[in-house]
């Protein structure tokens, strides 16, 4: 958020639910991710939250980030992972 404000850049958030999970677990993670994203975007954005889209996708995280990156002309992509490495 700080980088976006500093450079007057557009910011968007993408969260990928692993597509290899059983459907019930994937749906539970999607719902929880939706709730957490809404809370965190609001916390960091304050009144500007309407300008920060939060996108949820399901599939291979690498492939989904790549797909989203090619559909949106981003100048920089910041990736966080809860896993020990990249897929």
N, C-alpha and C. Protein backbone atom coordinates (compact mmCIF):
# COMPACT_ATOMS: atom_id res chain seq x y z
N UNK A 1 0.84 -1.18 0.00
CA UNK A 1 0.00 0.00 0.00
C UNK A 1 0.88 1.24 0.00
N UNK A 2 1.94 1.17 0.78
CA UNK A 2 2.86 2.31 0.85
C UNK A 2 3.49 2.60 -0.51
N UNK A 3 3.93 1.55 -1.21
CA UNK A 3 4.52 1.74 -2.54
C UNK A 3 3.51 2.34 -3.51
N UNK A 4 2.29 1.84 -3.48
CA UNK A 4 1.26 2.35 -4.37
C UNK A 4 0.99 3.82 -4.11
N UNK A 5 0.88 4.20 -2.85
CA UNK A 5 0.64 5.61 -2.53
C UNK A 5 1.82 6.48 -2.94
N UNK A 6 3.02 6.00 -2.65
CA UNK A 6 4.23 6.76 -2.96
C UNK A 6 4.35 7.05 -4.46
N UNK A 7 3.96 6.09 -5.27
CA UNK A 7 4.10 6.23 -6.72
C UNK A 7 2.79 6.53 -7.44
N UNK A 8 1.75 6.79 -6.65
CA UNK A 8 0.42 7.05 -7.20
C UNK A 8 0.01 5.96 -8.19
N UNK A 9 0.23 4.74 -7.74
CA UNK A 9 -0.03 3.58 -8.58
C UNK A 9 -1.33 2.90 -8.18
N UNK A 10 -1.88 2.17 -9.12
CA UNK A 10 -3.05 1.36 -8.85
C UNK A 10 -2.60 0.07 -8.16
N UNK A 11 -3.35 -0.33 -7.18
CA UNK A 11 -3.02 -1.54 -6.42
C UNK A 11 -4.16 -2.52 -6.54
N UNK A 12 -3.85 -3.79 -6.71
CA UNK A 12 -4.86 -4.82 -6.62
C UNK A 12 -4.28 -6.02 -5.88
N UNK A 13 -5.17 -6.77 -5.25
CA UNK A 13 -4.78 -7.90 -4.42
C UNK A 13 -5.34 -9.17 -5.05
N UNK A 14 -4.50 -10.17 -5.20
CA UNK A 14 -4.92 -11.46 -5.74
C UNK A 14 -4.59 -12.53 -4.72
N UNK A 15 -5.58 -13.36 -4.41
CA UNK A 15 -5.36 -14.51 -3.53
C UNK A 15 -5.77 -15.75 -4.31
N UNK A 16 -4.91 -16.77 -4.28
CA UNK A 16 -5.19 -18.00 -5.02
C UNK A 16 -5.40 -19.14 -4.03
N UNK A 17 -6.56 -19.78 -4.15
CA UNK A 17 -6.85 -20.99 -3.39
C UNK A 17 -6.36 -22.16 -4.24
N UNK A 18 -5.57 -23.03 -3.63
CA UNK A 18 -4.98 -24.17 -4.34
C UNK A 18 -6.06 -25.03 -4.97
N UNK A 19 -6.01 -25.20 -6.27
CA UNK A 19 -7.00 -25.98 -6.99
C UNK A 19 -6.90 -27.47 -6.77
N UNK A 20 -5.83 -27.94 -6.13
CA UNK A 20 -5.67 -29.36 -5.86
C UNK A 20 -6.36 -29.84 -4.61
N UNK A 21 -6.99 -28.93 -3.89
CA UNK A 21 -7.69 -29.30 -2.66
C UNK A 21 -9.04 -29.93 -2.95
N UNK A 22 -9.53 -30.78 -2.04
CA UNK A 22 -10.90 -31.27 -2.19
C UNK A 22 -11.87 -30.09 -2.21
N UNK A 23 -12.95 -30.23 -2.95
CA UNK A 23 -13.88 -29.11 -3.19
C UNK A 23 -14.38 -28.47 -1.89
N UNK A 24 -14.74 -29.27 -0.89
CA UNK A 24 -15.27 -28.69 0.35
C UNK A 24 -14.21 -27.87 1.07
N UNK A 25 -12.98 -28.34 1.08
CA UNK A 25 -11.89 -27.60 1.72
C UNK A 25 -11.56 -26.34 0.93
N UNK A 26 -11.54 -26.45 -0.39
CA UNK A 26 -11.26 -25.29 -1.24
C UNK A 26 -12.32 -24.21 -1.03
N UNK A 27 -13.58 -24.61 -0.93
CA UNK A 27 -14.66 -23.65 -0.72
C UNK A 27 -14.54 -22.99 0.65
N UNK A 28 -14.20 -23.77 1.67
CA UNK A 28 -14.01 -23.20 3.01
C UNK A 28 -12.85 -22.20 3.00
N UNK A 29 -11.77 -22.53 2.32
CA UNK A 29 -10.63 -21.59 2.22
C UNK A 29 -11.01 -20.35 1.43
N UNK A 30 -11.80 -20.51 0.39
CA UNK A 30 -12.21 -19.36 -0.41
C UNK A 30 -13.04 -18.40 0.43
N UNK A 31 -14.00 -18.94 1.19
CA UNK A 31 -14.84 -18.10 2.03
C UNK A 31 -14.02 -17.38 3.10
N UNK A 32 -13.10 -18.09 3.72
CA UNK A 32 -12.26 -17.48 4.75
C UNK A 32 -11.33 -16.43 4.14
N UNK A 33 -10.78 -16.73 2.97
CA UNK A 33 -9.91 -15.76 2.29
C UNK A 33 -10.68 -14.50 1.93
N UNK A 34 -11.91 -14.66 1.48
CA UNK A 34 -12.75 -13.52 1.13
C UNK A 34 -12.96 -12.61 2.35
N UNK A 35 -13.23 -13.22 3.50
CA UNK A 35 -13.44 -12.47 4.73
C UNK A 35 -12.16 -11.75 5.17
N UNK A 36 -11.05 -12.48 5.16
CA UNK A 36 -9.78 -11.90 5.60
C UNK A 36 -9.33 -10.80 4.65
N UNK A 37 -9.46 -11.01 3.34
CA UNK A 37 -9.08 -9.98 2.38
C UNK A 37 -9.87 -8.70 2.60
N UNK A 38 -11.16 -8.82 2.81
CA UNK A 38 -11.99 -7.64 3.04
C UNK A 38 -11.52 -6.89 4.28
N UNK A 39 -11.23 -7.62 5.35
CA UNK A 39 -10.75 -6.99 6.58
C UNK A 39 -9.41 -6.30 6.39
N UNK A 40 -8.48 -7.01 5.76
CA UNK A 40 -7.12 -6.46 5.61
C UNK A 40 -7.07 -5.29 4.64
N UNK A 41 -7.81 -5.39 3.55
CA UNK A 41 -7.85 -4.27 2.61
C UNK A 41 -8.43 -3.05 3.29
N UNK A 42 -9.48 -3.23 4.05
CA UNK A 42 -10.08 -2.10 4.77
C UNK A 42 -9.09 -1.52 5.79
N UNK A 43 -8.37 -2.38 6.49
CA UNK A 43 -7.42 -1.93 7.50
C UNK A 43 -6.30 -1.08 6.91
N UNK A 44 -5.77 -1.48 5.77
CA UNK A 44 -4.65 -0.74 5.19
C UNK A 44 -5.09 0.41 4.30
N UNK A 45 -6.28 0.30 3.74
CA UNK A 45 -6.71 1.31 2.78
C UNK A 45 -7.56 2.41 3.39
N UNK A 46 -8.23 2.12 4.48
CA UNK A 46 -9.11 3.12 5.06
C UNK A 46 -10.19 3.52 4.08
N UNK A 47 -10.32 4.81 3.87
CA UNK A 47 -11.36 5.31 2.98
C UNK A 47 -11.09 5.01 1.51
N UNK A 48 -9.86 4.69 1.15
CA UNK A 48 -9.52 4.42 -0.25
C UNK A 48 -9.84 2.99 -0.65
N UNK A 49 -10.43 2.18 0.25
CA UNK A 49 -10.63 0.76 -0.03
C UNK A 49 -11.42 0.47 -1.30
N UNK A 50 -12.29 1.38 -1.69
CA UNK A 50 -13.10 1.14 -2.89
C UNK A 50 -12.22 1.05 -4.13
N UNK A 51 -11.02 1.63 -4.08
CA UNK A 51 -10.16 1.62 -5.25
C UNK A 51 -9.19 0.43 -5.25
N UNK A 52 -9.32 -0.48 -4.30
CA UNK A 52 -8.43 -1.63 -4.25
C UNK A 52 -9.23 -2.90 -4.49
N UNK A 53 -9.22 -3.41 -5.71
CA UNK A 53 -9.94 -4.66 -5.95
C UNK A 53 -9.21 -5.84 -5.34
N UNK A 54 -9.96 -6.74 -4.74
CA UNK A 54 -9.41 -7.98 -4.19
C UNK A 54 -9.98 -9.12 -5.02
N UNK A 55 -9.11 -9.83 -5.69
CA UNK A 55 -9.51 -10.89 -6.60
C UNK A 55 -9.18 -12.24 -5.98
N UNK A 56 -10.14 -13.15 -6.03
CA UNK A 56 -9.93 -14.52 -5.57
C UNK A 56 -9.92 -15.43 -6.78
N UNK A 57 -8.94 -16.32 -6.82
CA UNK A 57 -8.86 -17.29 -7.91
C UNK A 57 -8.63 -18.67 -7.31
N UNK A 58 -8.92 -19.69 -8.10
CA UNK A 58 -8.68 -21.06 -7.67
C UNK A 58 -7.88 -21.76 -8.74
N UNK A 59 -6.82 -22.43 -8.34
CA UNK A 59 -5.98 -23.14 -9.29
C UNK A 59 -4.56 -23.24 -8.80
N UNK A 60 -3.64 -23.40 -9.71
CA UNK A 60 -2.22 -23.43 -9.39
C UNK A 60 -1.78 -21.99 -9.13
N UNK A 61 -1.24 -21.69 -7.94
CA UNK A 61 -0.88 -20.30 -7.63
C UNK A 61 0.03 -19.65 -8.67
N UNK A 62 1.07 -20.35 -9.12
CA UNK A 62 1.97 -19.79 -10.12
C UNK A 62 1.23 -19.44 -11.40
N UNK A 63 0.42 -20.39 -11.87
CA UNK A 63 -0.31 -20.18 -13.13
C UNK A 63 -1.33 -19.05 -13.00
N UNK A 64 -1.99 -18.96 -11.85
CA UNK A 64 -3.00 -17.91 -11.66
C UNK A 64 -2.36 -16.52 -11.56
N UNK A 65 -1.23 -16.42 -10.89
CA UNK A 65 -0.53 -15.13 -10.82
C UNK A 65 -0.06 -14.73 -12.20
N UNK A 66 0.49 -15.70 -12.94
CA UNK A 66 0.95 -15.42 -14.31
C UNK A 66 -0.21 -14.99 -15.20
N UNK A 67 -1.35 -15.69 -15.10
CA UNK A 67 -2.52 -15.35 -15.91
C UNK A 67 -3.00 -13.94 -15.59
N UNK A 68 -3.10 -13.63 -14.31
CA UNK A 68 -3.56 -12.31 -13.91
C UNK A 68 -2.58 -11.23 -14.34
N UNK A 69 -1.29 -11.52 -14.22
CA UNK A 69 -0.27 -10.54 -14.60
C UNK A 69 -0.31 -10.22 -16.08
N UNK A 70 -0.61 -11.20 -16.91
CA UNK A 70 -0.66 -10.94 -18.35
C UNK A 70 -1.95 -10.25 -18.77
N UNK A 71 -2.98 -10.36 -17.92
CA UNK A 71 -4.25 -9.69 -18.27
C UNK A 71 -4.31 -8.26 -17.74
N UNK A 72 -3.37 -7.89 -16.91
CA UNK A 72 -3.35 -6.56 -16.31
C UNK A 72 -1.94 -6.02 -16.41
N UNK A 73 -1.74 -4.88 -17.03
CA UNK A 73 -0.38 -4.39 -17.27
C UNK A 73 0.30 -3.84 -16.01
N UNK A 74 0.69 -4.73 -15.11
CA UNK A 74 1.36 -4.32 -13.87
C UNK A 74 2.81 -3.98 -14.14
N UNK A 75 3.32 -2.98 -13.44
CA UNK A 75 4.73 -2.63 -13.53
C UNK A 75 5.56 -3.41 -12.50
N UNK A 76 4.91 -3.81 -11.42
CA UNK A 76 5.59 -4.59 -10.39
C UNK A 76 4.58 -5.55 -9.76
N UNK A 77 5.05 -6.73 -9.41
CA UNK A 77 4.22 -7.72 -8.74
C UNK A 77 4.94 -8.13 -7.46
N UNK A 78 4.25 -8.03 -6.35
CA UNK A 78 4.80 -8.42 -5.05
C UNK A 78 4.08 -9.69 -4.64
N UNK A 79 4.85 -10.73 -4.36
CA UNK A 79 4.27 -12.04 -4.04
C UNK A 79 4.66 -12.45 -2.63
N UNK A 80 3.65 -12.91 -1.91
CA UNK A 80 3.90 -13.48 -0.59
C UNK A 80 3.44 -14.93 -0.62
N UNK A 81 4.07 -15.76 0.18
CA UNK A 81 3.68 -17.16 0.22
C UNK A 81 3.72 -17.65 1.65
N UNK A 82 2.81 -18.54 1.97
CA UNK A 82 2.81 -19.13 3.30
C UNK A 82 3.55 -20.46 3.26
N UNK A 83 3.98 -20.86 2.10
CA UNK A 83 4.69 -22.13 1.94
C UNK A 83 6.19 -21.89 1.96
N UNK A 84 6.94 -22.95 2.02
CA UNK A 84 8.40 -22.86 2.12
C UNK A 84 9.06 -22.46 0.81
N UNK A 85 8.33 -22.46 -0.28
CA UNK A 85 8.96 -22.13 -1.55
C UNK A 85 7.92 -21.91 -2.63
N UNK A 86 8.38 -21.80 -3.84
CA UNK A 86 7.47 -21.58 -4.97
C UNK A 86 7.10 -22.90 -5.59
N UNK A 87 5.91 -22.93 -6.19
CA UNK A 87 5.46 -24.16 -6.85
C UNK A 87 5.94 -24.21 -8.27
